[in-house]
């Protein structure tokens, strides 16, 4: 998968150092993944939530942080739409962000 953009993740972990290792691990796995369907993601990330518009919510570091992505399965592109704390996540609409 081609992940756009790592910069959002790195900006977040500069503020939340305890998220860095988990986000780097997720990024590395996503880059090497070949997700064709939601089932492909569910095999590895059992707690992932799937929303309308090909959006997926990942729990990062034991659900301390949330990562929302939009996936274009056919073109193998993952767009990072949001990364934040659980509290920040509660204030957004993950289906439209």
N, C-alpha and C. Protein backbone atom coordinates (compact mmCIF):
# COMPACT_ATOMS: atom_id res chain seq x y z
N UNK A 1 0.84 -1.18 0.00
CA UNK A 1 0.00 0.00 0.00
C UNK A 1 0.89 1.24 0.00
N UNK A 2 0.42 2.25 -0.66
CA UNK A 2 1.11 3.54 -0.64
C UNK A 2 0.38 4.42 0.39
N UNK A 3 1.08 4.80 1.45
CA UNK A 3 0.46 5.56 2.54
C UNK A 3 0.77 7.04 2.38
N UNK A 4 -0.29 7.84 2.37
CA UNK A 4 -0.16 9.29 2.23
C UNK A 4 -0.79 9.92 3.47
N UNK A 5 -0.15 10.56 4.31
CA UNK A 5 1.25 10.89 4.31
C UNK A 5 1.83 10.61 5.70
N UNK A 6 3.03 10.15 5.71
CA UNK A 6 3.73 9.84 6.97
C UNK A 6 3.93 11.10 7.81
N UNK A 7 3.96 12.24 7.14
CA UNK A 7 4.19 13.51 7.83
C UNK A 7 3.14 13.76 8.92
N UNK A 8 1.88 13.43 8.66
CA UNK A 8 0.84 13.61 9.68
C UNK A 8 1.15 12.78 10.92
N UNK A 9 1.66 11.58 10.70
CA UNK A 9 2.00 10.72 11.82
C UNK A 9 3.17 11.29 12.60
N UNK A 10 4.20 11.71 11.88
CA UNK A 10 5.40 12.22 12.57
C UNK A 10 5.11 13.52 13.32
N UNK A 11 4.25 14.35 12.78
CA UNK A 11 3.87 15.57 13.49
C UNK A 11 3.15 15.22 14.79
N UNK A 12 2.34 14.17 14.75
CA UNK A 12 1.61 13.76 15.94
C UNK A 12 2.55 13.18 16.98
N UNK A 13 3.46 12.30 16.57
CA UNK A 13 4.32 11.67 17.58
C UNK A 13 5.36 12.64 18.14
N UNK A 14 5.59 13.74 17.48
CA UNK A 14 6.46 14.76 18.07
C UNK A 14 5.80 15.39 19.30
N UNK A 15 4.46 15.46 19.27
CA UNK A 15 3.71 15.98 20.41
C UNK A 15 3.41 14.90 21.44
N UNK A 16 3.28 13.67 20.96
CA UNK A 16 2.91 12.53 21.82
C UNK A 16 3.96 11.43 21.63
N UNK A 17 5.08 11.61 22.29
CA UNK A 17 6.23 10.71 22.12
C UNK A 17 5.86 9.24 22.36
N UNK A 18 4.92 9.00 23.26
CA UNK A 18 4.55 7.62 23.57
C UNK A 18 3.80 6.93 22.44
N UNK A 19 3.40 7.68 21.41
CA UNK A 19 2.72 7.09 20.25
C UNK A 19 3.69 6.73 19.13
N UNK A 20 4.93 7.19 19.22
CA UNK A 20 5.87 7.05 18.11
C UNK A 20 6.09 5.61 17.67
N UNK A 21 6.46 4.74 18.57
CA UNK A 21 6.77 3.35 18.17
C UNK A 21 5.56 2.66 17.55
N UNK A 22 4.40 2.84 18.15
CA UNK A 22 3.19 2.19 17.64
C UNK A 22 2.81 2.71 16.25
N UNK A 23 2.94 4.02 16.05
CA UNK A 23 2.61 4.59 14.74
C UNK A 23 3.63 4.18 13.68
N UNK A 24 4.89 4.12 14.04
CA UNK A 24 5.91 3.66 13.09
C UNK A 24 5.65 2.21 12.70
N UNK A 25 5.27 1.40 13.68
CA UNK A 25 4.97 -0.01 13.40
C UNK A 25 3.77 -0.13 12.47
N UNK A 26 2.70 0.63 12.74
CA UNK A 26 1.53 0.60 11.88
C UNK A 26 1.90 1.02 10.46
N UNK A 27 2.67 2.10 10.34
CA UNK A 27 3.05 2.61 9.03
C UNK A 27 3.84 1.55 8.25
N UNK A 28 4.78 0.93 8.89
CA UNK A 28 5.60 -0.09 8.22
C UNK A 28 4.74 -1.26 7.75
N UNK A 29 3.83 -1.70 8.60
CA UNK A 29 2.94 -2.80 8.22
C UNK A 29 2.02 -2.39 7.08
N UNK A 30 1.48 -1.20 7.14
CA UNK A 30 0.57 -0.73 6.09
C UNK A 30 1.28 -0.62 4.75
N UNK A 31 2.52 -0.14 4.76
CA UNK A 31 3.29 -0.02 3.51
C UNK A 31 3.50 -1.37 2.84
N UNK A 32 3.65 -2.41 3.65
CA UNK A 32 3.92 -3.74 3.11
C UNK A 32 2.65 -4.58 2.91
N UNK A 33 1.53 -4.02 3.28
CA UNK A 33 0.27 -4.75 3.17
C UNK A 33 -0.25 -4.76 1.74
N UNK A 34 -1.13 -5.69 1.51
CA UNK A 34 -1.82 -5.79 0.22
C UNK A 34 -3.31 -5.94 0.53
N UNK A 35 -3.89 -4.87 1.08
CA UNK A 35 -5.29 -4.91 1.48
C UNK A 35 -6.18 -4.76 0.26
N UNK A 36 -6.99 -5.76 0.02
CA UNK A 36 -7.94 -5.73 -1.10
C UNK A 36 -9.38 -5.58 -0.61
N UNK A 37 -9.61 -5.99 0.66
CA UNK A 37 -10.94 -5.91 1.25
C UNK A 37 -10.80 -5.61 2.75
N UNK A 38 -11.91 -5.31 3.37
CA UNK A 38 -11.89 -5.09 4.81
C UNK A 38 -11.48 -6.35 5.56
N UNK A 39 -11.79 -7.50 5.01
CA UNK A 39 -11.40 -8.76 5.65
C UNK A 39 -9.89 -8.89 5.77
N UNK A 40 -9.16 -8.39 4.78
CA UNK A 40 -7.70 -8.43 4.83
C UNK A 40 -7.18 -7.64 6.03
N UNK A 41 -7.81 -6.54 6.32
CA UNK A 41 -7.41 -5.71 7.47
C UNK A 41 -7.83 -6.38 8.77
N UNK A 42 -9.02 -6.92 8.80
CA UNK A 42 -9.56 -7.53 10.02
C UNK A 42 -8.72 -8.71 10.50
N UNK A 43 -8.06 -9.41 9.59
CA UNK A 43 -7.19 -10.53 9.96
C UNK A 43 -6.09 -10.06 10.90
N UNK A 44 -5.51 -8.92 10.62
CA UNK A 44 -4.39 -8.39 11.41
C UNK A 44 -4.84 -7.45 12.53
N UNK A 45 -5.86 -6.64 12.24
CA UNK A 45 -6.33 -5.63 13.18
C UNK A 45 -7.77 -5.93 13.56
N UNK A 46 -7.94 -6.83 14.51
CA UNK A 46 -9.27 -7.29 14.90
C UNK A 46 -10.13 -6.19 15.48
N UNK A 47 -9.53 -5.17 16.06
CA UNK A 47 -10.32 -4.10 16.67
C UNK A 47 -10.60 -2.95 15.71
N UNK A 48 -10.16 -3.06 14.47
CA UNK A 48 -10.42 -2.00 13.50
C UNK A 48 -11.91 -1.85 13.27
N UNK A 49 -12.33 -0.61 13.11
CA UNK A 49 -13.73 -0.32 12.81
C UNK A 49 -13.82 0.18 11.38
N UNK A 50 -14.84 -0.28 10.67
CA UNK A 50 -15.00 0.07 9.27
C UNK A 50 -16.22 0.98 9.11
N UNK A 51 -15.99 2.12 8.47
CA UNK A 51 -17.02 3.12 8.30
C UNK A 51 -17.36 3.28 6.83
N UNK A 52 -18.38 4.07 6.57
CA UNK A 52 -18.75 4.36 5.18
C UNK A 52 -17.61 5.06 4.47
N UNK A 53 -17.60 4.96 3.16
CA UNK A 53 -16.62 5.66 2.36
C UNK A 53 -15.22 5.08 2.47
N UNK A 54 -15.13 3.78 2.70
CA UNK A 54 -13.84 3.09 2.80
C UNK A 54 -12.93 3.66 3.87
N UNK A 55 -13.53 4.11 4.96
CA UNK A 55 -12.75 4.62 6.09
C UNK A 55 -12.58 3.53 7.13
N UNK A 56 -11.40 3.53 7.72
CA UNK A 56 -11.08 2.55 8.75
C UNK A 56 -10.51 3.28 9.95
N UNK A 57 -10.95 2.88 11.13
CA UNK A 57 -10.45 3.44 12.38
C UNK A 57 -9.59 2.38 13.06
N UNK A 58 -8.33 2.71 13.28
CA UNK A 58 -7.40 1.82 13.95
C UNK A 58 -7.18 2.31 15.38
N UNK A 59 -7.17 1.38 16.30
CA UNK A 59 -6.80 1.69 17.68
C UNK A 59 -5.29 1.56 17.77
N UNK A 60 -4.64 2.58 18.24
CA UNK A 60 -3.18 2.61 18.33
C UNK A 60 -2.77 2.60 19.79
N UNK A 61 -1.80 1.77 20.09
CA UNK A 61 -1.23 1.65 21.44
C UNK A 61 -2.31 1.37 22.48
N UNK A 62 -2.99 0.26 22.28
CA UNK A 62 -3.98 -0.15 23.25
C UNK A 62 -5.15 0.80 23.38
N UNK A 63 -5.53 1.41 22.28
CA UNK A 63 -6.67 2.33 22.21
C UNK A 63 -6.40 3.68 22.88
N UNK A 64 -5.14 4.00 23.14
CA UNK A 64 -4.82 5.34 23.65
C UNK A 64 -4.97 6.39 22.56
N UNK A 65 -4.74 5.95 21.33
CA UNK A 65 -4.79 6.87 20.18
C UNK A 65 -5.66 6.25 19.09
N UNK A 66 -6.17 7.10 18.23
CA UNK A 66 -6.99 6.65 17.11
C UNK A 66 -6.39 7.17 15.81
N UNK A 67 -6.47 6.32 14.80
CA UNK A 67 -5.99 6.66 13.47
C UNK A 67 -7.12 6.37 12.50
N UNK A 68 -7.51 7.39 11.74
CA UNK A 68 -8.57 7.24 10.73
C UNK A 68 -7.93 7.37 9.36
N UNK A 69 -8.19 6.38 8.52
CA UNK A 69 -7.65 6.40 7.16
C UNK A 69 -8.79 6.18 6.17
N UNK A 70 -8.55 6.60 4.97
CA UNK A 70 -9.44 6.30 3.85
C UNK A 70 -8.62 5.44 2.89
N UNK A 71 -9.20 4.34 2.46
CA UNK A 71 -8.45 3.40 1.63
C UNK A 71 -9.08 3.28 0.25
N UNK A 72 -8.24 3.41 -0.75
CA UNK A 72 -8.62 3.13 -2.14
C UNK A 72 -8.04 1.76 -2.45
N UNK A 73 -8.86 0.73 -2.25
CA UNK A 73 -8.38 -0.64 -2.36
C UNK A 73 -7.83 -0.97 -3.75
N UNK A 74 -8.53 -0.54 -4.79
CA UNK A 74 -8.11 -0.87 -6.15
C UNK A 74 -6.75 -0.27 -6.49
N UNK A 75 -6.52 0.97 -6.09
CA UNK A 75 -5.24 1.62 -6.41
C UNK A 75 -4.20 1.42 -5.32
N UNK A 76 -4.58 0.74 -4.22
CA UNK A 76 -3.65 0.42 -3.13
C UNK A 76 -3.07 1.67 -2.47
N UNK A 77 -3.95 2.64 -2.18
CA UNK A 77 -3.53 3.89 -1.54
C UNK A 77 -4.29 4.05 -0.22
N UNK A 78 -3.55 4.44 0.80
CA UNK A 78 -4.12 4.73 2.12
C UNK A 78 -3.89 6.21 2.40
N UNK A 79 -4.96 6.93 2.64
CA UNK A 79 -4.88 8.35 2.97
C UNK A 79 -5.10 8.52 4.46
N UNK A 80 -4.15 9.08 5.16
CA UNK A 80 -4.31 9.34 6.59
C UNK A 80 -5.17 10.58 6.73
N UNK A 81 -6.32 10.42 7.39
CA UNK A 81 -7.26 11.51 7.54
C UNK A 81 -7.19 12.16 8.92
N UNK A 82 -6.82 11.35 9.95
CA UNK A 82 -6.80 11.87 11.31
C UNK A 82 -5.94 10.96 12.17
N UNK A 83 -5.19 11.57 13.05
CA UNK A 83 -4.51 10.83 14.12
C UNK A 83 -4.63 11.69 15.36
N UNK A 84 -5.06 11.08 16.45
CA UNK A 84 -5.26 11.86 17.65
C UNK A 84 -5.50 11.00 18.87
N UNK A 85 -5.69 11.67 19.97
CA UNK A 85 -6.00 10.97 21.21
C UNK A 85 -7.45 10.49 21.14
N UNK A 86 -7.80 9.62 22.05
CA UNK A 86 -9.17 9.12 22.12
C UNK A 86 -10.13 10.28 22.35
N UNK A 87 -9.74 11.23 23.19
CA UNK A 87 -10.56 12.40 23.48
C UNK A 87 -10.75 13.27 22.23
N UNK A 88 -9.68 13.49 21.48
CA UNK A 88 -9.77 14.27 20.24
C UNK A 88 -10.65 13.57 19.21
N UNK A 89 -10.54 12.25 19.16
CA UNK A 89 -11.35 11.46 18.22
C UNK A 89 -12.84 11.63 18.51
N UNK A 90 -13.19 11.73 19.78
CA UNK A 90 -14.59 11.88 20.16
C UNK A 90 -15.20 13.18 19.64
N UNK A 91 -14.36 14.14 19.26
CA UNK A 91 -14.85 15.45 18.80
C UNK A 91 -14.95 15.55 17.28
N UNK A 92 -14.59 14.51 16.55
CA UNK A 92 -14.63 14.59 15.09
C UNK A 92 -15.70 13.67 14.53
N UNK A 93 -16.02 13.86 13.27
CA UNK A 93 -16.87 12.93 12.54
C UNK A 93 -15.94 12.13 11.63
N UNK A 94 -15.65 10.92 12.02
CA UNK A 94 -14.67 10.09 11.30
C UNK A 94 -15.12 9.76 9.89
N UNK A 95 -16.41 9.87 9.61
CA UNK A 95 -16.90 9.56 8.27
C UNK A 95 -16.72 10.71 7.29
N UNK A 96 -16.42 11.90 7.80
CA UNK A 96 -16.28 13.04 6.90
C UNK A 96 -14.94 13.73 6.98
N UNK A 97 -14.16 13.43 8.00
CA UNK A 97 -12.88 14.13 8.17
C UNK A 97 -11.93 13.80 7.02
